[in-house]
């Protein structure tokens, strides 16, 4: 079965960096667009970033542009989220997600995704 396993979360001071990883199994990784979402306490799960199947196409939520970078290694079936200049507002559980797609498009709606990981907690202290 499909599994997405996030890692790399933790407690970090504001202004510092953190890199999240998401290891995928049970799917043809290179056929899937990968996304990162986050959910703060009491709030809805929202889009953070997405990356196309080959890695050339990316999309970001406005508040993370210039601070976060999504990337993928199809040989390792892994997608990454490099987070820099972290702020307290970035505190949330971060989820990776996968959607099968034949092409690139707008994929910032959580309902478009087929598979989800269990999440990893990121806490930014000010």
N, C-alpha and C. Protein backbone atom coordinates (compact mmCIF):
# COMPACT_ATOMS: atom_id res chain seq x y z
N UNK A 1 0.83 -1.18 0.00
CA UNK A 1 0.00 0.00 0.00
C UNK A 1 0.88 1.25 0.00
N UNK A 2 0.28 2.37 -0.35
CA UNK A 2 1.01 3.62 -0.40
C UNK A 2 1.30 4.12 1.01
N UNK A 3 2.55 4.51 1.21
CA UNK A 3 2.93 5.11 2.48
C UNK A 3 3.74 6.37 2.23
N UNK A 4 3.42 7.42 2.95
CA UNK A 4 4.19 8.65 2.96
C UNK A 4 4.60 8.89 4.40
N UNK A 5 5.90 9.00 4.64
CA UNK A 5 6.40 9.14 5.99
C UNK A 5 7.25 10.40 6.10
N UNK A 6 6.74 11.37 6.85
CA UNK A 6 7.46 12.62 7.06
C UNK A 6 8.45 12.49 8.21
N UNK A 7 9.49 13.28 8.13
CA UNK A 7 10.48 13.36 9.21
C UNK A 7 11.14 14.73 9.15
N UNK A 8 11.87 15.05 10.23
CA UNK A 8 12.63 16.29 10.25
C UNK A 8 12.02 17.41 11.05
N UNK A 9 10.82 17.21 11.57
CA UNK A 9 10.21 18.25 12.38
C UNK A 9 10.90 18.39 13.72
N UNK A 10 10.52 19.44 14.44
CA UNK A 10 11.11 19.65 15.76
C UNK A 10 10.88 21.06 16.24
N UNK A 11 11.61 21.39 17.30
CA UNK A 11 11.54 22.73 17.90
C UNK A 11 12.73 23.54 17.41
N UNK A 12 12.45 24.74 16.92
CA UNK A 12 13.50 25.60 16.38
C UNK A 12 13.21 27.04 16.75
N UNK A 13 14.25 27.82 16.92
CA UNK A 13 14.06 29.23 17.23
C UNK A 13 13.73 30.02 15.97
N UNK A 14 12.99 31.08 16.15
CA UNK A 14 12.64 31.95 15.04
C UNK A 14 13.91 32.45 14.35
N UNK A 15 13.84 32.48 13.03
CA UNK A 15 14.98 32.90 12.23
C UNK A 15 15.86 31.76 11.74
N UNK A 16 15.70 30.61 12.36
CA UNK A 16 16.52 29.45 11.99
C UNK A 16 15.85 28.64 10.88
N UNK A 17 16.52 27.54 10.52
CA UNK A 17 16.07 26.72 9.40
C UNK A 17 15.78 25.30 9.84
N UNK A 18 15.02 24.62 8.98
CA UNK A 18 14.68 23.22 9.23
C UNK A 18 14.38 22.59 7.88
N UNK A 19 14.74 21.33 7.71
CA UNK A 19 14.42 20.63 6.48
C UNK A 19 13.55 19.42 6.79
N UNK A 20 12.41 19.38 6.16
CA UNK A 20 11.51 18.24 6.28
C UNK A 20 11.72 17.29 5.11
N UNK A 21 11.55 16.02 5.38
CA UNK A 21 11.63 15.00 4.34
C UNK A 21 10.35 14.18 4.35
N UNK A 22 10.03 13.64 3.20
CA UNK A 22 8.87 12.75 3.09
C UNK A 22 9.26 11.60 2.17
N UNK A 23 9.36 10.42 2.74
CA UNK A 23 9.73 9.23 1.99
C UNK A 23 8.48 8.49 1.55
N UNK A 24 8.40 8.22 0.25
CA UNK A 24 7.23 7.56 -0.30
C UNK A 24 7.53 6.12 -0.69
N UNK A 25 6.54 5.27 -0.54
CA UNK A 25 6.66 3.88 -0.97
C UNK A 25 5.30 3.40 -1.45
N UNK A 26 5.33 2.34 -2.25
CA UNK A 26 4.08 1.76 -2.72
C UNK A 26 3.45 2.48 -3.90
N UNK A 27 4.18 3.39 -4.51
CA UNK A 27 3.68 4.10 -5.68
C UNK A 27 4.83 4.39 -6.63
N UNK A 28 4.47 4.69 -7.88
CA UNK A 28 5.47 5.12 -8.85
C UNK A 28 5.71 6.60 -8.63
N UNK A 29 6.69 6.89 -7.82
CA UNK A 29 6.88 8.24 -7.28
C UNK A 29 6.94 9.30 -8.37
N UNK A 30 7.63 9.01 -9.44
CA UNK A 30 7.83 10.00 -10.50
C UNK A 30 6.55 10.32 -11.27
N UNK A 31 5.48 9.60 -11.01
CA UNK A 31 4.19 9.86 -11.66
C UNK A 31 3.28 10.74 -10.83
N UNK A 32 3.77 11.15 -9.67
CA UNK A 32 2.94 11.89 -8.74
C UNK A 32 3.48 13.30 -8.50
N UNK A 33 2.58 14.25 -8.53
CA UNK A 33 2.88 15.58 -8.00
C UNK A 33 2.86 15.47 -6.48
N UNK A 34 3.82 16.11 -5.84
CA UNK A 34 3.93 16.07 -4.39
C UNK A 34 3.67 17.45 -3.80
N UNK A 35 3.00 17.44 -2.66
CA UNK A 35 2.69 18.70 -2.01
C UNK A 35 2.99 18.66 -0.53
N UNK A 36 3.15 19.83 0.04
CA UNK A 36 3.26 20.00 1.49
C UNK A 36 2.11 20.89 1.95
N UNK A 37 1.47 20.48 3.03
CA UNK A 37 0.41 21.24 3.66
C UNK A 37 0.76 21.40 5.13
N UNK A 38 0.10 22.30 5.81
CA UNK A 38 0.30 22.44 7.24
C UNK A 38 -1.02 22.77 7.93
N UNK A 39 -1.06 22.39 9.20
CA UNK A 39 -2.27 22.62 9.99
C UNK A 39 -1.87 23.09 11.37
N UNK A 40 -2.23 24.33 11.67
CA UNK A 40 -2.00 24.89 12.99
C UNK A 40 -3.15 24.51 13.90
N UNK A 41 -2.94 24.54 15.22
CA UNK A 41 -4.01 24.17 16.15
C UNK A 41 -5.27 25.01 15.93
N UNK A 42 -6.40 24.32 15.80
CA UNK A 42 -7.67 25.00 15.63
C UNK A 42 -7.92 25.58 14.26
N UNK A 43 -7.03 25.29 13.33
CA UNK A 43 -7.19 25.85 11.98
C UNK A 43 -7.27 24.74 10.95
N UNK A 44 -7.67 25.10 9.75
CA UNK A 44 -7.76 24.13 8.67
C UNK A 44 -6.37 23.80 8.12
N UNK A 45 -6.30 22.67 7.47
CA UNK A 45 -5.08 22.27 6.77
C UNK A 45 -4.96 23.12 5.51
N UNK A 46 -3.82 23.76 5.32
CA UNK A 46 -3.64 24.67 4.20
C UNK A 46 -2.41 24.33 3.38
N UNK A 47 -2.45 24.75 2.15
CA UNK A 47 -1.38 24.51 1.20
C UNK A 47 -0.12 25.29 1.56
N UNK A 48 1.03 24.63 1.36
CA UNK A 48 2.32 25.29 1.56
C UNK A 48 3.09 25.34 0.24
N UNK A 49 3.25 24.17 -0.39
CA UNK A 49 4.06 24.12 -1.61
C UNK A 49 3.74 22.84 -2.37
N UNK A 50 4.03 22.86 -3.67
CA UNK A 50 3.86 21.67 -4.50
C UNK A 50 4.97 21.63 -5.53
N UNK A 51 5.27 20.43 -6.01
CA UNK A 51 6.32 20.25 -7.00
C UNK A 51 5.88 19.24 -8.04
N UNK A 52 6.19 19.54 -9.29
CA UNK A 52 5.80 18.66 -10.37
C UNK A 52 6.59 17.37 -10.38
N UNK A 53 6.20 16.50 -11.29
CA UNK A 53 6.74 15.15 -11.29
C UNK A 53 8.25 15.13 -11.51
N UNK A 54 8.76 15.99 -12.35
CA UNK A 54 10.19 16.02 -12.64
C UNK A 54 10.96 17.01 -11.80
N UNK A 55 10.24 17.84 -11.06
CA UNK A 55 10.89 18.81 -10.19
C UNK A 55 11.04 20.20 -10.78
N UNK A 56 10.72 20.36 -12.07
CA UNK A 56 10.93 21.66 -12.71
C UNK A 56 9.86 22.68 -12.32
N UNK A 57 8.67 22.21 -12.05
CA UNK A 57 7.56 23.10 -11.70
C UNK A 57 7.33 23.10 -10.21
N UNK A 58 7.19 24.30 -9.65
CA UNK A 58 6.90 24.43 -8.23
C UNK A 58 5.86 25.54 -8.02
N UNK A 59 5.22 25.47 -6.89
CA UNK A 59 4.23 26.48 -6.51
C UNK A 59 4.30 26.65 -5.00
N UNK A 60 4.09 27.88 -4.54
CA UNK A 60 4.19 28.18 -3.11
C UNK A 60 3.04 29.06 -2.66
N UNK A 61 2.66 28.86 -1.44
CA UNK A 61 1.74 29.79 -0.80
C UNK A 61 2.48 31.09 -0.57
N UNK A 62 1.78 32.21 -0.68
CA UNK A 62 2.45 33.51 -0.68
C UNK A 62 3.31 33.75 0.56
N UNK A 63 2.86 33.33 1.73
CA UNK A 63 3.58 33.66 2.95
C UNK A 63 4.91 32.93 3.09
N UNK A 64 5.14 31.90 2.29
CA UNK A 64 6.39 31.15 2.40
C UNK A 64 7.32 31.38 1.21
N UNK A 65 6.85 32.13 0.21
CA UNK A 65 7.70 32.41 -0.95
C UNK A 65 8.96 33.12 -0.53
N UNK A 66 10.09 32.65 -1.05
CA UNK A 66 11.37 33.24 -0.69
C UNK A 66 11.97 32.69 0.59
N UNK A 67 11.19 31.93 1.36
CA UNK A 67 11.71 31.35 2.61
C UNK A 67 11.75 29.82 2.55
N UNK A 68 10.79 29.23 1.87
CA UNK A 68 10.70 27.77 1.77
C UNK A 68 11.05 27.32 0.36
N UNK A 69 11.67 26.16 0.26
CA UNK A 69 11.98 25.57 -1.03
C UNK A 69 11.58 24.11 -1.03
N UNK A 70 10.77 23.74 -2.01
CA UNK A 70 10.39 22.34 -2.16
C UNK A 70 11.27 21.72 -3.24
N UNK A 71 11.67 20.48 -3.01
CA UNK A 71 12.48 19.76 -3.98
C UNK A 71 12.16 18.28 -3.87
N UNK A 72 12.65 17.52 -4.83
CA UNK A 72 12.39 16.09 -4.80
C UNK A 72 13.57 15.34 -5.41
N UNK A 73 13.73 14.11 -4.97
CA UNK A 73 14.74 13.21 -5.52
C UNK A 73 14.00 11.94 -5.94
N UNK A 74 13.73 11.82 -7.22
CA UNK A 74 12.94 10.68 -7.68
C UNK A 74 13.68 9.35 -7.54
N UNK A 75 15.00 9.42 -7.50
CA UNK A 75 15.78 8.18 -7.29
C UNK A 75 15.62 7.66 -5.87
N UNK A 76 15.32 8.56 -4.94
CA UNK A 76 15.15 8.19 -3.54
C UNK A 76 13.70 8.19 -3.11
N UNK A 77 12.78 8.48 -4.04
CA UNK A 77 11.35 8.54 -3.71
C UNK A 77 11.09 9.46 -2.53
N UNK A 78 11.72 10.61 -2.53
CA UNK A 78 11.64 11.51 -1.39
C UNK A 78 11.41 12.95 -1.87
N UNK A 79 10.56 13.63 -1.14
CA UNK A 79 10.34 15.06 -1.36
C UNK A 79 10.77 15.81 -0.10
N UNK A 80 11.30 17.00 -0.30
CA UNK A 80 11.85 17.79 0.80
C UNK A 80 11.17 19.15 0.88
N UNK A 81 11.21 19.71 2.06
CA UNK A 81 10.79 21.09 2.25
C UNK A 81 11.85 21.77 3.10
N UNK A 82 12.65 22.61 2.46
CA UNK A 82 13.66 23.39 3.17
C UNK A 82 13.00 24.67 3.64
N UNK A 83 13.00 24.88 4.94
CA UNK A 83 12.35 26.04 5.53
C UNK A 83 13.40 26.93 6.18
N UNK A 84 13.43 28.18 5.78
CA UNK A 84 14.40 29.13 6.31
C UNK A 84 13.67 30.34 6.87
N UNK A 85 14.39 31.13 7.65
CA UNK A 85 13.81 32.34 8.26
C UNK A 85 12.47 32.03 8.91
N UNK A 86 12.46 30.98 9.70
CA UNK A 86 11.20 30.53 10.28
C UNK A 86 10.63 31.55 11.25
N UNK A 87 9.30 31.59 11.27
CA UNK A 87 8.56 32.52 12.13
C UNK A 87 7.63 31.71 13.03
N UNK A 88 7.17 32.33 14.09
CA UNK A 88 6.25 31.63 14.99
C UNK A 88 4.97 31.22 14.26
N UNK A 89 4.58 31.98 13.25
CA UNK A 89 3.38 31.65 12.46
C UNK A 89 3.55 30.37 11.65
N UNK A 90 4.77 29.90 11.51
CA UNK A 90 5.01 28.65 10.78
C UNK A 90 4.77 27.42 11.64
N UNK A 91 4.52 27.62 12.92
CA UNK A 91 4.26 26.51 13.82
C UNK A 91 3.00 25.76 13.38
N UNK A 92 3.16 24.46 13.15
CA UNK A 92 2.05 23.64 12.66
C UNK A 92 2.51 22.20 12.52
N UNK A 93 1.55 21.34 12.28
CA UNK A 93 1.88 19.99 11.82
C UNK A 93 1.97 20.05 10.30
N UNK A 94 3.07 19.54 9.78
CA UNK A 94 3.31 19.58 8.34
C UNK A 94 3.05 18.19 7.76
N UNK A 95 2.28 18.18 6.68
CA UNK A 95 1.91 16.94 6.01
C UNK A 95 2.41 16.93 4.58
N UNK A 96 2.91 15.81 4.12
CA UNK A 96 3.15 15.69 2.69
C UNK A 96 1.99 14.91 2.07
N UNK A 97 1.79 15.15 0.79
CA UNK A 97 0.66 14.56 0.08
C UNK A 97 1.06 14.28 -1.36
N UNK A 98 0.37 13.33 -1.97
CA UNK A 98 0.68 12.93 -3.34
C UNK A 98 -0.59 12.86 -4.16
N UNK A 99 -0.48 13.29 -5.41
CA UNK A 99 -1.60 13.19 -6.33
C UNK A 99 -1.08 12.73 -7.68
N UNK A 100 -1.75 11.72 -8.24
CA UNK A 100 -1.36 11.24 -9.56
C UNK A 100 -1.78 12.25 -10.60
N UNK A 101 -0.85 12.56 -11.49
CA UNK A 101 -1.19 13.56 -12.49
C UNK A 101 -0.36 13.37 -13.75
N UNK A 102 -1.01 13.59 -14.88
CA UNK A 102 -0.31 13.51 -16.15
C UNK A 102 0.36 14.82 -16.51
N UNK A 103 0.08 15.88 -15.78
CA UNK A 103 0.68 17.17 -16.11
C UNK A 103 0.66 18.10 -14.92
N UNK A 104 1.20 19.28 -15.10
CA UNK A 104 1.28 20.28 -14.03
C UNK A 104 0.03 21.13 -14.03
N UNK A 105 -0.42 21.51 -12.87
CA UNK A 105 -1.57 22.39 -12.75
C UNK A 105 -1.63 22.97 -11.36
N UNK A 106 -2.66 23.73 -11.11
CA UNK A 106 -2.84 24.32 -9.79
C UNK A 106 -3.34 23.25 -8.83
N UNK A 107 -2.53 22.95 -7.84
CA UNK A 107 -2.87 21.88 -6.90
C UNK A 107 -2.69 22.36 -5.48
N UNK A 108 -3.40 23.41 -5.12
CA UNK A 108 -3.30 23.94 -3.78
C UNK A 108 -4.51 23.61 -2.91
N UNK A 109 -5.35 22.71 -3.38
CA UNK A 109 -6.54 22.30 -2.64
C UNK A 109 -6.29 20.91 -2.08
N UNK A 110 -6.43 20.77 -0.78
CA UNK A 110 -6.13 19.48 -0.15
C UNK A 110 -7.02 18.37 -0.68
N UNK A 111 -8.20 18.71 -1.17
CA UNK A 111 -9.13 17.69 -1.66
C UNK A 111 -8.68 17.09 -2.99
N UNK A 112 -7.68 17.69 -3.63
CA UNK A 112 -7.18 17.17 -4.89
C UNK A 112 -6.19 16.03 -4.68
N UNK A 113 -5.70 15.83 -3.48
CA UNK A 113 -4.63 14.89 -3.23
C UNK A 113 -5.17 13.52 -2.85
N UNK A 114 -4.44 12.50 -3.32
CA UNK A 114 -4.87 11.12 -3.14
C UNK A 114 -4.34 10.48 -1.86
N UNK A 115 -3.12 10.80 -1.51
CA UNK A 115 -2.47 10.14 -0.38
C UNK A 115 -1.83 11.16 0.55
N UNK A 116 -1.79 10.79 1.85
CA UNK A 116 -1.28 11.70 2.88
C UNK A 116 -0.37 10.95 3.84
N UNK A 117 0.61 11.70 4.36
CA UNK A 117 1.42 11.19 5.44
C UNK A 117 0.75 11.47 6.78
N UNK A 118 1.42 11.05 7.85
CA UNK A 118 0.86 11.20 9.19
C UNK A 118 1.19 12.55 9.82
N UNK A 119 2.11 13.27 9.20
CA UNK A 119 2.45 14.60 9.70
C UNK A 119 3.65 14.62 10.61
N UNK A 120 4.31 15.77 10.65
CA UNK A 120 5.43 16.00 11.56
C UNK A 120 5.29 17.39 12.15
N UNK A 121 5.50 17.50 13.45
CA UNK A 121 5.29 18.76 14.17
C UNK A 121 6.48 19.68 13.98
N UNK A 122 6.20 20.91 13.63
CA UNK A 122 7.21 21.97 13.59
C UNK A 122 6.77 23.06 14.56
N UNK A 123 7.63 23.36 15.52
CA UNK A 123 7.33 24.40 16.49
C UNK A 123 8.44 25.44 16.44
N UNK A 124 8.04 26.68 16.19
CA UNK A 124 9.00 27.77 16.10
C UNK A 124 8.81 28.67 17.31
N UNK A 125 9.85 28.79 18.11
CA UNK A 125 9.79 29.62 19.31
C UNK A 125 10.33 31.01 19.00
N UNK A 126 9.67 32.00 19.57
CA UNK A 126 10.07 33.39 19.30
C UNK A 126 10.96 33.92 20.41
